[in-house]
Amino acid sequence: MDQPFWAARLAALGAATAPIPFASLTEERLVEALREVVRRQTYAGAASVAARHMATEDGVGAAVKALC
């Protein structure tokens, strides 16, 4: 259920194309989105920045703090 949220976040960061709602997902739309990601290097750069940021986070620790 959180997939649409994270897809939108990645698109907002420039690391992914706009999300394709499941109801309108077709093979053609998926292929075009994948082609766009491969053609534009800016997606890879933004994804790399996001990955470096996530690597510094302690998600498990934050979850434990939230639960305790």
C-alpha atoms as a PDB file:
ATOM      1  CA  MET A   1       0.000   0.000   0.000  1.00  0.00           C
ATOM      2  CA  ASP A   2       2.955   2.351   0.422  1.00  0.00           C
ATOM      3  CA  GLN A   3       4.200   1.851  -3.144  1.00  0.00           C
ATOM      4  CA  PRO A   4       2.303   4.846  -4.623  1.00  0.00           C
ATOM      5  CA  PHE A   5       3.727   7.091  -1.892  1.00  0.00           C
ATOM      6  CA  TRP A   6       7.331   6.008  -2.491  1.00  0.00           C
ATOM      7  CA  ALA A   7       6.919   6.133  -6.266  1.00  0.00           C
ATOM      8  CA  ALA A   8       5.726   9.736  -5.958  1.00  0.00           C
ATOM      9  CA  ARG A   9       8.625  10.585  -3.620  1.00  0.00           C
ATOM     10  CA  LEU A  10      11.188   9.173  -6.063  1.00  0.00           C
ATOM     11  CA  ALA A  11       9.583  11.114  -8.915  1.00  0.00           C
ATOM     12  CA  ALA A  12       9.623  14.304  -6.814  1.00  0.00           C
ATOM     13  CA  LEU A  13      13.342  13.763  -6.173  1.00  0.00           C
ATOM     14  CA  GLY A  14      13.950  13.288  -9.895  1.00  0.00           C
ATOM     15  CA  ALA A  15      15.013   9.677  -9.435  1.00  0.00           C
ATOM     16  CA  ALA A  16      12.057   8.157 -11.291  1.00  0.00           C
ATOM     17  CA  THR A  17       9.397   8.950 -13.834  1.00  0.00           C
ATOM     18  CA  ALA A  18       5.916   9.910 -12.702  1.00  0.00           C
ATOM     19  CA  PRO A  19       4.136   6.933 -11.172  1.00  0.00           C
ATOM     20  CA  ILE A  20       1.779   4.989 -13.382  1.00  0.00           C
ATOM     21  CA  PRO A  21      -1.434   4.240 -11.490  1.00  0.00           C
ATOM     22  CA  PHE A  22      -2.092   0.510 -11.424  1.00  0.00           C
ATOM     23  CA  ALA A  23      -5.511   0.949 -13.034  1.00  0.00           C
ATOM     24  CA  SER A  24      -3.890   2.527 -16.103  1.00  0.00           C
ATOM     25  CA  LEU A  25      -0.747   0.403 -16.208  1.00  0.00           C
ATOM     26  CA  THR A  26      -0.174  -1.118 -19.616  1.00  0.00           C
ATOM     27  CA  GLU A  27       2.795  -2.784 -21.207  1.00  0.00           C
ATOM     28  CA  GLU A  28       3.247   0.223 -23.477  1.00  0.00           C
ATOM     29  CA  ARG A  29       3.233   2.756 -20.623  1.00  0.00           C
ATOM     30  CA  LEU A  30       5.693   0.692 -18.619  1.00  0.00           C
ATOM     31  CA  VAL A  31       8.023   0.279 -21.606  1.00  0.00           C
ATOM     32  CA  GLU A  32       7.947   4.032 -22.286  1.00  0.00           C
ATOM     33  CA  ALA A  33       8.708   4.852 -18.641  1.00  0.00           C
ATOM     34  CA  LEU A  34      11.639   2.420 -18.641  1.00  0.00           C
ATOM     35  CA  ARG A  35      12.948   3.860 -21.905  1.00  0.00           C
ATOM     36  CA  GLU A  36      12.786   7.369 -20.468  1.00  0.00           C
ATOM     37  CA  VAL A  37      14.745   6.341 -17.381  1.00  0.00           C
ATOM     38  CA  VAL A  38      17.435   4.705 -19.506  1.00  0.00           C
ATOM     39  CA  ARG A  39      17.703   7.667 -21.914  1.00  0.00           C
ATOM     40  CA  ARG A  40      18.011  10.423 -19.300  1.00  0.00           C
ATOM     41  CA  GLN A  41      21.087  10.226 -17.082  1.00  0.00           C
ATOM     42  CA  THR A  42      19.559  12.688 -14.626  1.00  0.00           C
ATOM     43  CA  TYR A  43      17.477   9.859 -13.166  1.00  0.00           C
ATOM     44  CA  ALA A  44      20.609   7.863 -12.339  1.00  0.00           C
ATOM     45  CA  GLY A  45      22.256  10.877 -10.727  1.00  0.00           C
ATOM     46  CA  ALA A  46      19.223  11.661  -8.576  1.00  0.00           C
ATOM     47  CA  ALA A  47      18.864   7.994  -7.602  1.00  0.00           C
ATOM     48  CA  SER A  48      22.525   7.934  -6.563  1.00  0.00           C
ATOM     49  CA  VAL A  49      22.043  10.995  -4.349  1.00  0.00           C
ATOM     50  CA  ALA A  50      18.951   9.416  -2.766  1.00  0.00           C
ATOM     51  CA  ALA A  51      20.825   6.139  -2.180  1.00  0.00           C
ATOM     52  CA  ARG A  52      23.694   7.932  -0.445  1.00  0.00           C
ATOM     53  CA  HIS A  53      21.241   9.776   1.781  1.00  0.00           C
ATOM     54  CA  MET A  54      19.351   6.582   2.688  1.00  0.00           C
ATOM     55  CA  ALA A  55      22.626   4.825   3.517  1.00  0.00           C
ATOM     56  CA  THR A  56      23.182   7.312   6.345  1.00  0.00           C
ATOM     57  CA  GLU A  57      19.790   6.638   7.934  1.00  0.00           C
ATOM     58  CA  ASP A  58      19.071   4.141  10.700  1.00  0.00           C
ATOM     59  CA  GLY A  59      15.585   3.046   9.712  1.00  0.00           C
ATOM     60  CA  VAL A  60      15.421   0.167  12.177  1.00  0.00           C
ATOM     61  CA  GLY A  61      16.589   2.382  15.033  1.00  0.00           C
ATOM     62  CA  ALA A  62      13.988   5.011  14.149  1.00  0.00           C
ATOM     63  CA  ALA A  63      11.261   2.380  14.036  1.00  0.00           C
ATOM     64  CA  VAL A  64      12.281   0.987  17.420  1.00  0.00           C
ATOM     65  CA  LYS A  65      12.227   4.488  18.945  1.00  0.00           C
ATOM     66  CA  ALA A  66       8.786   5.116  17.483  1.00  0.00           C
ATOM     67  CA  LEU A  67       7.444   1.875  18.943  1.00  0.00           C
ATOM     68  CA  CYS A  68       8.969   2.216  22.409  1.00  0.00           C
END
